Amino acid sequence: MILTAAWGVVWIWAAVPQGSPTEGWPTDLAQASPPAPAAPAATERRTPDLVLLRVQTNFLEHDLRLDSTYQDRITGTPARSATDFDIRLAVPVDTVWMIGVIGNYRWLEEVNRPNENGAAVSVFGRVQMIEEAESSYAFTLEISSPNKGVENDRTQVSAGVAGFEDLDALLGFDGVGLYADLQLQHSTSRGQVDGGNQLAYVVSMAKTWTGDLLGTARLSVFEELGGTTQIDQGSGGRTTLSITPGFRFDPSPAHAFLAGVDFPLTHPHGFGELFRISYIYSF
């Protein structure tokens, strides 16, 4: 009996082709190993995270930016209008840190005295705090020099957090992103004992169209609500608010054009309108 069983095993072994010991067996005898589970697909952001006009950027930029603004019907100062031109360069140091520099030149049209103009410079650094498919948050520290050509002798230090949430991924709002930032700004000058502290904040929402509608181009429209609140003792928490509708057009991934207009909301108005245009070259 034992010899018969052993002979049967040897016969079956000899009858199997020389590849795999179970090659050609019925599926109920040759159990194949279960296939390895497929790797999960990488999660991609549905809505692009954009650089806008007013809200602080929440990611590490690698770009050159040109900004120009014109503010008219200014009240409360000798200036009637102000024109600013900024050149801004931002370069990441690694995947967490970024540094940048801003050069500013300002022209003031005065009411009852000669016009003024002058230059200032700012340096800033940013650290990425959170970077996920649905959200991004970063901390930015910036120091701005005085502009004595326009009688501004204050050095300003600002520190704040900016964030982005993809409302397409979170709530199903196609191509809509929510942005916000909050900054503490402190300005000081020689001989100043106290004062010069305020909170600055912006909340923005942008809708972006991509794909078949524009080919490789991209169009975004956005609305930004921003303001400042004085937090010095005796300031009474004075707050100013303004709203900025605008648009951004990216003809290609490396180039972007932005434009918008600030309209004051709080009374008395500190200005009539503030016009903004920007160009961004990403590299």
Foldseek 3Di string as FASTA:
>chain_A
DVVVVVVVVVVLQVPDDPDDSCPPPPCVVDPDDDDDDDDDDDQAAQADQDDADPFDGQAQAAWKKKKKKKFACFPDDQFGIKIKIKIKGKDAPDRFKIKIKMKMKMWTHGDPDDTWIWIKMKIKMKTWDDDDNFKTKIKMWMWIQATPRRPGHKIKIKIKMKMKGRCCVVPNPRNKMKIKMKMWMAIDHPPDDDFRIKIKMKIKMKHKDDDPVQDQKIKMKMKMKIKMFGDTPPPVRDIWIWMKTKMKIGNHPFKIKIWIKIDTDDPPDRTHIMIMIMMMGGD
